[in-house]
């Protein structure tokens, strides 16, 4: 059975909405900074830190894409963006954007480790609320 993690953009988050282009741009930034880390320690860390190819299908344009790997210990991670309607404590309704990270049945333990790493990175950059695969919640936004 596939498992899911969510990064929810709460009112205290950096942004109110997110697109697949935003997420792909953050992955390019991730690859850039890990490449620089690799240069500092004189090791090809860029390939090890992001062993995936970003693939966007025409039918998922703007809604979802996936990360596909040709490495032995990795296979696939799916990512999508959407919005949900919520009712606040005072009764007002609002829309909340979120990123869904899905590990299909064909995903490996390596994929799960990388997905957790990517979730934390994305949640930290967007100052979001991270709902991990195991059901736990991590808060990366300023709380009152």
Protein backbone atom coordinates (compact mmCIF):
# COMPACT_ATOMS: atom_id res chain seq x y z
CA UNK A 1 0.00 0.00 0.00
CA UNK A 2 1.40 3.42 -0.89
CA UNK A 3 2.29 5.81 1.93
CA UNK A 4 1.94 9.58 1.92
CA UNK A 5 3.51 12.58 3.61
CA UNK A 6 2.16 16.12 3.37
CA UNK A 7 3.66 19.58 3.63
CA UNK A 8 0.83 21.96 4.48
CA UNK A 9 1.16 25.69 3.96
CA UNK A 10 -0.44 27.17 7.05
CA UNK A 11 -1.18 30.92 7.46
CA UNK A 12 2.24 31.42 9.12
CA UNK A 13 4.07 29.81 6.16
CA UNK A 14 6.40 31.64 3.78
CA UNK A 15 3.84 31.38 0.94
CA UNK A 16 0.10 30.81 0.70
CA UNK A 17 0.25 28.65 -2.41
CA UNK A 18 2.76 26.48 -4.21
CA UNK A 19 3.08 25.14 -7.75
CA UNK A 20 4.93 22.18 -9.18
CA UNK A 21 7.33 24.67 -10.76
CA UNK A 22 8.11 26.04 -7.28
CA UNK A 23 8.84 22.55 -5.99
CA UNK A 24 11.01 21.67 -9.01
CA UNK A 25 12.90 24.95 -8.53
CA UNK A 26 13.52 24.01 -4.87
CA UNK A 27 14.88 20.63 -6.00
CA UNK A 28 17.28 22.37 -8.39
CA UNK A 29 18.38 24.58 -5.50
CA UNK A 30 18.83 21.44 -3.35
CA UNK A 31 21.02 19.85 -6.03
CA UNK A 32 23.06 23.06 -6.28
CA UNK A 33 23.74 23.40 -2.56
CA UNK A 34 24.57 19.70 -2.11
CA UNK A 35 26.95 19.98 -5.07
CA UNK A 36 28.71 22.84 -3.31
CA UNK A 37 28.92 20.77 -0.13
CA UNK A 38 30.52 18.00 -2.19
CA UNK A 39 33.14 20.41 -3.55
CA UNK A 40 34.00 21.54 -0.01
CA UNK A 41 34.58 17.97 1.19
CA UNK A 42 36.12 16.84 -2.14
CA UNK A 43 33.50 14.19 -2.81
CA UNK A 44 30.86 13.76 -5.54
CA UNK A 45 28.00 14.32 -3.09
CA UNK A 46 25.66 15.86 -5.69
CA UNK A 47 24.88 12.48 -7.31
CA UNK A 48 24.55 10.70 -3.97
CA UNK A 49 22.30 13.37 -2.44
CA UNK A 50 19.87 13.49 -5.38
CA UNK A 51 19.98 10.21 -7.35
CA UNK A 52 16.81 11.07 -9.29
CA UNK A 53 15.67 12.50 -12.58
CA UNK A 54 12.71 14.91 -12.44
CA UNK A 55 10.01 13.71 -14.85
CA UNK A 56 6.91 15.76 -15.63
CA UNK A 57 4.26 14.12 -17.83
CA UNK A 58 1.93 16.28 -20.01
CA UNK A 59 -1.17 14.91 -18.23
CA UNK A 60 0.23 15.93 -14.83
CA UNK A 61 1.53 19.36 -15.86
CA UNK A 62 0.97 21.78 -13.00
CA UNK A 63 -0.45 19.10 -10.67
CA UNK A 64 2.14 16.34 -10.19
CA UNK A 65 5.52 14.98 -11.26
CA UNK A 66 7.79 12.21 -10.15
CA UNK A 67 11.38 11.49 -9.31
CA UNK A 68 12.76 8.40 -11.09
CA UNK A 69 16.12 6.83 -10.29
CA UNK A 70 18.29 4.40 -12.20
CA UNK A 71 20.43 3.67 -9.14
CA UNK A 72 20.24 0.25 -7.45
CA UNK A 73 18.82 1.33 -4.09
CA UNK A 74 16.25 3.80 -5.42
CA UNK A 75 13.20 3.67 -7.68
CA UNK A 76 10.44 6.32 -7.61
CA UNK A 77 8.88 9.12 -5.52
CA UNK A 78 5.67 10.92 -6.61
CA UNK A 79 4.98 14.56 -5.74
CA UNK A 80 1.83 16.61 -6.26
CA UNK A 81 0.35 19.93 -5.23
CA UNK A 82 -3.27 20.68 -4.38
CA UNK A 83 -5.52 22.71 -2.07
CA UNK A 84 -7.99 21.70 0.62
CA UNK A 85 -10.82 23.61 2.28
CA UNK A 86 -10.60 24.05 6.03
CA UNK A 87 -12.84 25.61 8.64
CA UNK A 88 -11.02 27.64 11.30
CA UNK A 89 -12.02 27.69 14.98
CA UNK A 90 -13.99 30.90 14.44
CA UNK A 91 -16.03 29.26 11.65
CA UNK A 92 -14.39 30.95 8.67
CA UNK A 93 -13.52 28.80 5.70
CA UNK A 94 -10.16 29.03 3.95
CA UNK A 95 -8.15 27.16 1.38
CA UNK A 96 -4.85 25.62 2.37
CA UNK A 97 -2.28 24.53 -0.19
CA UNK A 98 -0.23 21.40 0.35
CA UNK A 99 2.41 19.22 -1.27
CA UNK A 100 1.76 15.48 -1.22
CA UNK A 101 4.72 13.10 -1.37
CA UNK A 102 3.75 9.52 -2.22
CA UNK A 103 5.82 6.37 -2.03
CA UNK A 104 4.17 3.74 -4.25
CA UNK A 105 4.51 0.02 -3.54
CA UNK A 106 7.53 -0.16 -5.86
CA UNK A 107 9.48 2.35 -3.77
CA UNK A 108 12.49 1.14 -1.82
CA UNK A 109 13.76 1.88 1.69
CA UNK A 110 16.27 4.22 0.01
CA UNK A 111 13.36 6.12 -1.54
CA UNK A 112 11.72 6.46 1.88
CA UNK A 113 14.92 7.83 3.40
CA UNK A 114 15.37 10.34 0.57
CA UNK A 115 11.66 11.27 0.67
CA UNK A 116 11.94 12.05 4.40
CA UNK A 117 15.04 14.15 3.70
CA UNK A 118 13.30 16.02 0.86
CA UNK A 119 10.16 16.55 2.97
CA UNK A 120 12.16 18.17 5.74
CA UNK A 121 14.06 20.34 3.26
CA UNK A 122 10.88 21.52 1.49
CA UNK A 123 9.00 22.12 4.76
CA UNK A 124 11.91 24.14 6.14
CA UNK A 125 12.19 26.27 2.99
CA UNK A 126 8.44 26.92 2.81
CA UNK A 127 8.00 27.21 6.61
CA UNK A 128 5.24 24.62 6.47
CA UNK A 129 3.70 21.94 8.64
CA UNK A 130 5.13 18.52 7.79
CA UNK A 131 2.98 15.43 8.25
CA UNK A 132 5.47 12.55 8.00
CA UNK A 133 4.86 9.06 6.61
CA UNK A 134 4.60 7.69 10.17
CA UNK A 135 1.86 10.17 11.13
CA UNK A 136 4.03 12.47 13.20
CA UNK A 137 3.93 16.22 12.65
CA UNK A 138 6.90 18.60 12.47
CA UNK A 139 6.40 22.35 12.59
CA UNK A 140 8.74 24.51 10.54
CA UNK A 141 6.86 27.79 10.94
CA UNK A 142 6.99 30.29 13.81
CA UNK A 143 4.50 29.15 16.43
CA UNK A 144 2.83 31.38 18.99
